[in-house]
C-alpha atoms as a PDB file:
ATOM      1  CA  MET A   1      -7.283  78.715  29.941  1.00  0.00           C
ATOM      2  CA  ARG A   2      -7.666  79.525  33.633  1.00  0.00           C
ATOM      3  CA  GLY A   3      -4.306  79.546  35.407  1.00  0.00           C
ATOM      4  CA  ALA A   4      -1.177  77.827  34.200  1.00  0.00           C
ATOM      5  CA  ALA A   5      -1.235  74.172  33.255  1.00  0.00           C
ATOM      6  CA  TRP A   6       1.835  72.299  34.396  1.00  0.00           C
ATOM      7  CA  LEU A   7       3.645  69.291  33.055  1.00  0.00           C
ATOM      8  CA  LEU A   8       6.113  68.222  35.703  1.00  0.00           C
ATOM      9  CA  ALA A   9       9.113  66.617  34.108  1.00  0.00           C
ATOM     10  CA  ALA A  10      11.750  65.196  36.367  1.00  0.00           C
ATOM     11  CA  ALA A  11      14.902  63.371  35.464  1.00  0.00           C
ATOM     12  CA  LEU A  12      15.032  61.576  38.770  1.00  0.00           C
ATOM     13  CA  ALA A  13      18.463  60.509  39.970  1.00  0.00           C
ATOM     14  CA  MET A  14      19.973  61.759  36.735  1.00  0.00           C
ATOM     15  CA  PRO A  15      22.734  64.373  36.517  1.00  0.00           C
ATOM     16  CA  LEU A  16      21.902  67.588  34.632  1.00  0.00           C
ATOM     17  CA  PRO A  17      24.066  66.621  31.619  1.00  0.00           C
ATOM     18  CA  VAL A  18      21.481  63.911  30.850  1.00  0.00           C
ATOM     19  CA  LEU A  19      18.947  66.634  30.038  1.00  0.00           C
ATOM     20  CA  ALA A  20      21.414  68.230  27.629  1.00  0.00           C
ATOM     21  CA  ARG A  21      22.291  64.945  25.893  1.00  0.00           C
ATOM     22  CA  GLU A  22      20.953  64.718  22.354  1.00  0.00           C
ATOM     23  CA  ALA A  23      18.912  61.726  21.276  1.00  0.00           C
ATOM     24  CA  ASP A  24      16.894  60.597  18.287  1.00  0.00           C
ATOM     25  CA  VAL A  25      13.326  61.130  19.436  1.00  0.00           C
ATOM     26  CA  ALA A  26      10.290  59.467  17.874  1.00  0.00           C
ATOM     27  CA  THR A  27       7.080  59.675  19.876  1.00  0.00           C
ATOM     28  CA  ARG A  28       3.714  58.569  18.591  1.00  0.00           C
ATOM     29  CA  ALA A  29       0.744  60.833  18.040  1.00  0.00           C
ATOM     30  CA  GLY A  30      -1.805  60.298  20.767  1.00  0.00           C
ATOM     31  CA  THR A  31      -2.071  61.409  24.347  1.00  0.00           C
ATOM     32  CA  ALA A  32       0.602  63.358  26.197  1.00  0.00           C
ATOM     33  CA  GLY A  33       0.830  60.437  28.619  1.00  0.00           C
ATOM     34  CA  GLU A  34       1.688  58.011  25.819  1.00  0.00           C
ATOM     35  CA  ALA A  35       4.234  60.429  24.346  1.00  0.00           C
ATOM     36  CA  VAL A  36       6.119  60.925  27.610  1.00  0.00           C
ATOM     37  CA  VAL A  37       6.333  57.155  28.086  1.00  0.00           C
ATOM     38  CA  ASP A  38       7.931  56.923  24.631  1.00  0.00           C
ATOM     39  CA  LEU A  39      10.316  59.781  25.413  1.00  0.00           C
ATOM     40  CA  ALA A  40      11.297  58.408  28.825  1.00  0.00           C
ATOM     41  CA  ARG A  41      12.123  54.994  27.357  1.00  0.00           C
ATOM     42  CA  GLN A  42      14.181  56.498  24.546  1.00  0.00           C
ATOM     43  CA  THR A  43      16.172  58.849  26.782  1.00  0.00           C
ATOM     44  CA  GLY A  44      16.496  56.857  30.002  1.00  0.00           C
ATOM     45  CA  THR A  45      14.727  59.524  32.045  1.00  0.00           C
ATOM     46  CA  SER A  46      11.760  59.535  34.384  1.00  0.00           C
ATOM     47  CA  ILE A  47       8.955  61.902  33.398  1.00  0.00           C
ATOM     48  CA  VAL A  48       5.895  62.664  35.500  1.00  0.00           C
ATOM     49  CA  ILE A  49       2.742  64.450  34.367  1.00  0.00           C
ATOM     50  CA  ALA A  50       1.272  65.929  37.520  1.00  0.00           C
ATOM     51  CA  ASP A  51      -2.195  66.623  36.077  1.00  0.00           C
ATOM     52  CA  SER A  52      -4.212  63.727  34.621  1.00  0.00           C
ATOM     53  CA  THR A  53      -6.155  66.173  32.420  1.00  0.00           C
ATOM     54  CA  ILE A  54      -2.910  67.119  30.684  1.00  0.00           C
ATOM     55  CA  ALA A  55      -1.903  63.458  30.366  1.00  0.00           C
ATOM     56  CA  ARG A  56      -5.119  62.792  28.389  1.00  0.00           C
ATOM     57  CA  ARG A  57      -4.656  65.674  25.934  1.00  0.00           C
ATOM     58  CA  THR A  58      -4.079  64.669  22.331  1.00  0.00           C
ATOM     59  CA  ILE A  59      -0.795  65.806  20.804  1.00  0.00           C
ATOM     60  CA  PRO A  60       1.001  65.207  17.484  1.00  0.00           C
ATOM     61  CA  ALA A  61       4.006  62.938  17.055  1.00  0.00           C
ATOM     62  CA  LEU A  62       7.439  64.365  17.780  1.00  0.00           C
ATOM     63  CA  ARG A  63      10.399  63.333  15.660  1.00  0.00           C
ATOM     64  CA  GLY A  64      13.966  64.526  15.366  1.00  0.00           C
ATOM     65  CA  ARG A  65      17.354  64.719  17.016  1.00  0.00           C
ATOM     66  CA  MET A  66      17.274  67.017  20.037  1.00  0.00           C
ATOM     67  CA  ASP A  67      18.260  67.189  23.671  1.00  0.00           C
ATOM     68  CA  VAL A  68      15.871  65.841  26.290  1.00  0.00           C
ATOM     69  CA  ALA A  69      14.980  69.287  27.636  1.00  0.00           C
ATOM     70  CA  GLU A  70      13.964  70.500  24.155  1.00  0.00           C
ATOM     71  CA  ALA A  71      11.873  67.383  23.551  1.00  0.00           C
ATOM     72  CA  LEU A  72      10.101  67.879  26.892  1.00  0.00           C
ATOM     73  CA  ASN A  73       9.445  71.534  26.125  1.00  0.00           C
ATOM     74  CA  ARG A  74       7.971  70.677  22.728  1.00  0.00           C
ATOM     75  CA  LEU A  75       5.726  67.972  24.173  1.00  0.00           C
ATOM     76  CA  ALA A  76       4.589  70.289  26.955  1.00  0.00           C
ATOM     77  CA  ARG A  77       3.750  73.092  24.508  1.00  0.00           C
ATOM     78  CA  SER A  78       1.784  70.649  22.357  1.00  0.00           C
ATOM     79  CA  ALA A  79      -0.261  69.715  25.422  1.00  0.00           C
ATOM     80  CA  GLY A  80      -0.793  73.355  26.405  1.00  0.00           C
ATOM     81  CA  ALA A  81       1.402  72.903  29.451  1.00  0.00           C
ATOM     82  CA  ARG A  82       4.833  73.826  30.778  1.00  0.00           C
ATOM     83  CA  ALA A  83       7.806  71.557  31.492  1.00  0.00           C
ATOM     84  CA  VAL A  84       9.491  72.000  34.857  1.00  0.00           C
ATOM     85  CA  PRO A  85      12.764  70.172  35.633  1.00  0.00           C
END
């Protein structure tokens, strides 16, 4: 891959402890864009994918109990990208 692909994840207007809060996460398999919508709804965060190419990449489902930052990192890795708070 040429250069670094970026997934910009922002918890807008949320204090940092929100990112460390654990939650039961269950995203569907499909595109990264669909998965971050699922994750944002479940965790009460706002997540932005800055590159539409990354948003269209197919990724597997994500399930488990983890903090928001870990879930974002896993989704980003699945999409071949990087999460940036």
